[in-house]
Amino acid sequence: MSGAPTAQATYRATAEVYRVDWQPGTDLLHGVCHCGAEHVEEDPVALWQWMLAHPEGHTV
C-alpha cells in the first residue's frame, strides 16, 4: 500500500448537504439549503451565494 491518501481517507463527513436542480424548460435553478430552506434563482452564482450565506435570508 502506498503512502498516498485515498479518497476515503481524505473525505470528511458533514451534515451540510446542498442541492441544486434545474427546472426543465426554464432558466431557473431551484436550490435547497442544508437547513431545508428553498430558493429559486436564474443566476447560479447568486444561488450559491444565497446558500452559503446561511443563515441570512433563510426561513424554513
N, C-alpha and C. Protein backbone atom coordinates (compact mmCIF):
# COMPACT_ATOMS: atom_id res chain seq x y z
N MET A 1 0.85 -1.18 0.00
CA MET A 1 0.00 0.00 0.00
C MET A 1 0.89 1.24 0.00
N SER A 2 0.60 2.19 -0.86
CA SER A 2 1.42 3.40 -0.94
C SER A 2 1.03 4.38 0.16
N GLY A 3 1.86 5.40 0.34
CA GLY A 3 1.62 6.39 1.37
C GLY A 3 0.65 7.49 0.94
N ALA A 4 0.19 7.46 -0.31
CA ALA A 4 -0.73 8.49 -0.81
C ALA A 4 -2.10 8.32 -0.17
N PRO A 5 -2.74 9.44 0.22
CA PRO A 5 -4.08 9.33 0.82
C PRO A 5 -5.10 8.86 -0.21
N THR A 6 -6.05 8.11 0.25
CA THR A 6 -7.13 7.64 -0.62
C THR A 6 -8.31 8.59 -0.52
N ALA A 7 -9.25 8.45 -1.42
CA ALA A 7 -10.45 9.31 -1.38
C ALA A 7 -11.18 9.12 -0.06
N GLN A 8 -11.25 7.89 0.42
CA GLN A 8 -11.94 7.64 1.68
C GLN A 8 -11.20 8.26 2.84
N ALA A 9 -9.88 8.26 2.80
CA ALA A 9 -9.10 8.81 3.90
C ALA A 9 -9.19 10.33 3.96
N THR A 10 -9.39 10.99 2.83
CA THR A 10 -9.43 12.45 2.82
C THR A 10 -10.84 13.00 2.89
N TYR A 11 -11.86 12.18 2.78
CA TYR A 11 -13.25 12.61 2.82
C TYR A 11 -13.66 12.89 4.26
N ARG A 12 -14.31 14.02 4.47
CA ARG A 12 -14.84 14.35 5.79
C ARG A 12 -16.36 14.38 5.69
N ALA A 13 -17.01 13.60 6.50
CA ALA A 13 -18.47 13.57 6.51
C ALA A 13 -18.99 14.87 7.10
N THR A 14 -20.05 15.37 6.53
CA THR A 14 -20.67 16.59 7.04
C THR A 14 -22.19 16.47 6.91
N ALA A 15 -22.89 17.15 7.77
CA ALA A 15 -24.34 17.13 7.74
C ALA A 15 -24.88 18.19 6.78
N GLU A 16 -23.99 19.03 6.24
CA GLU A 16 -24.43 20.10 5.35
C GLU A 16 -24.52 19.59 3.92
N VAL A 17 -25.75 19.38 3.47
CA VAL A 17 -25.98 18.93 2.10
C VAL A 17 -26.76 20.01 1.37
N TYR A 18 -26.23 20.45 0.26
CA TYR A 18 -26.88 21.46 -0.58
C TYR A 18 -27.33 20.78 -1.86
N ARG A 19 -28.47 21.20 -2.38
CA ARG A 19 -28.99 20.60 -3.61
C ARG A 19 -29.41 21.69 -4.56
N VAL A 20 -29.01 21.55 -5.83
CA VAL A 20 -29.42 22.48 -6.87
C VAL A 20 -30.00 21.68 -8.02
N ASP A 21 -31.22 22.00 -8.40
CA ASP A 21 -31.90 21.34 -9.51
C ASP A 21 -32.26 22.37 -10.56
N TRP A 22 -32.09 21.99 -11.80
CA TRP A 22 -32.51 22.83 -12.92
C TRP A 22 -33.97 22.50 -13.20
N GLN A 23 -34.78 23.53 -13.42
CA GLN A 23 -36.18 23.33 -13.74
C GLN A 23 -36.31 23.27 -15.26
N PRO A 24 -36.50 22.07 -15.82
CA PRO A 24 -36.54 21.89 -17.28
C PRO A 24 -37.52 22.85 -17.95
N GLY A 25 -37.10 23.35 -19.10
CA GLY A 25 -37.94 24.27 -19.87
C GLY A 25 -37.83 25.71 -19.41
N THR A 26 -36.97 25.97 -18.41
CA THR A 26 -36.81 27.33 -17.89
C THR A 26 -35.32 27.62 -17.73
N ASP A 27 -35.01 28.83 -17.33
CA ASP A 27 -33.65 29.21 -16.97
C ASP A 27 -33.49 29.25 -15.45
N LEU A 28 -34.39 28.60 -14.74
CA LEU A 28 -34.41 28.69 -13.28
C LEU A 28 -33.71 27.52 -12.62
N LEU A 29 -33.03 27.84 -11.53
CA LEU A 29 -32.39 26.83 -10.68
C LEU A 29 -33.09 26.85 -9.33
N HIS A 30 -33.38 25.68 -8.81
CA HIS A 30 -34.05 25.53 -7.52
C HIS A 30 -33.01 25.02 -6.52
N GLY A 31 -32.72 25.80 -5.50
CA GLY A 31 -31.73 25.41 -4.51
C GLY A 31 -32.37 25.07 -3.18
N VAL A 32 -31.82 24.05 -2.53
CA VAL A 32 -32.27 23.66 -1.20
C VAL A 32 -31.06 23.64 -0.29
N CYS A 33 -31.11 24.46 0.74
CA CYS A 33 -30.02 24.56 1.71
C CYS A 33 -30.06 23.36 2.66
N HIS A 34 -28.96 23.13 3.35
CA HIS A 34 -28.90 22.03 4.32
C HIS A 34 -29.92 22.19 5.44
N CYS A 35 -30.40 23.43 5.67
CA CYS A 35 -31.38 23.67 6.72
C CYS A 35 -32.81 23.43 6.23
N GLY A 36 -32.97 23.18 4.93
CA GLY A 36 -34.30 22.92 4.37
C GLY A 36 -34.91 24.12 3.67
N ALA A 37 -34.31 25.30 3.80
CA ALA A 37 -34.83 26.49 3.12
C ALA A 37 -34.64 26.34 1.62
N GLU A 38 -35.58 26.88 0.84
CA GLU A 38 -35.54 26.77 -0.61
C GLU A 38 -35.51 28.15 -1.25
N HIS A 39 -34.88 28.20 -2.44
CA HIS A 39 -34.75 29.48 -3.15
C HIS A 39 -34.66 29.18 -4.63
N VAL A 40 -35.27 30.03 -5.46
CA VAL A 40 -35.21 29.89 -6.92
C VAL A 40 -34.48 31.09 -7.48
N GLU A 41 -33.58 30.84 -8.42
CA GLU A 41 -32.73 31.89 -8.98
C GLU A 41 -32.35 31.53 -10.41
N GLU A 42 -32.15 32.54 -11.27
CA GLU A 42 -31.65 32.30 -12.62
C GLU A 42 -30.13 32.19 -12.64
N ASP A 43 -29.48 32.96 -11.79
CA ASP A 43 -28.02 33.05 -11.78
C ASP A 43 -27.44 32.02 -10.81
N PRO A 44 -26.63 31.07 -11.30
CA PRO A 44 -26.07 30.05 -10.41
C PRO A 44 -25.17 30.63 -9.32
N VAL A 45 -24.44 31.69 -9.64
CA VAL A 45 -23.57 32.30 -8.63
C VAL A 45 -24.42 32.90 -7.51
N ALA A 46 -25.48 33.59 -7.86
CA ALA A 46 -26.36 34.18 -6.85
C ALA A 46 -27.01 33.11 -5.99
N LEU A 47 -27.36 31.97 -6.59
CA LEU A 47 -27.97 30.89 -5.83
C LEU A 47 -26.98 30.32 -4.82
N TRP A 48 -25.73 30.09 -5.23
CA TRP A 48 -24.73 29.58 -4.29
C TRP A 48 -24.39 30.60 -3.22
N GLN A 49 -24.38 31.87 -3.57
CA GLN A 49 -24.13 32.91 -2.56
C GLN A 49 -25.23 32.89 -1.51
N TRP A 50 -26.47 32.72 -1.95
CA TRP A 50 -27.59 32.64 -1.02
C TRP A 50 -27.43 31.45 -0.10
N MET A 51 -27.10 30.29 -0.67
CA MET A 51 -26.98 29.08 0.16
C MET A 51 -25.83 29.18 1.15
N LEU A 52 -24.71 29.72 0.72
CA LEU A 52 -23.53 29.78 1.58
C LEU A 52 -23.57 30.95 2.57
N ALA A 53 -24.54 31.86 2.43
CA ALA A 53 -24.69 32.99 3.35
C ALA A 53 -25.51 32.61 4.58
N HIS A 54 -25.73 31.34 4.75
CA HIS A 54 -26.56 30.82 5.84
C HIS A 54 -26.15 31.42 7.18
N PRO A 55 -27.04 31.91 7.99
CA PRO A 55 -28.49 31.81 7.92
C PRO A 55 -29.19 33.02 7.30
N GLU A 56 -28.45 34.01 6.78
CA GLU A 56 -29.09 35.19 6.23
C GLU A 56 -29.98 34.84 5.04
N GLY A 57 -31.24 35.27 5.11
CA GLY A 57 -32.18 35.01 4.03
C GLY A 57 -32.86 33.67 4.10
N HIS A 58 -32.49 32.86 5.08
CA HIS A 58 -33.06 31.51 5.19
C HIS A 58 -34.22 31.50 6.17
N THR A 59 -35.35 31.10 5.68
CA THR A 59 -36.51 30.88 6.54
C THR A 59 -37.12 29.55 6.16
N VAL A 60 -37.42 28.75 7.12
CA VAL A 60 -37.97 27.42 6.85
C VAL A 60 -39.39 27.38 7.31
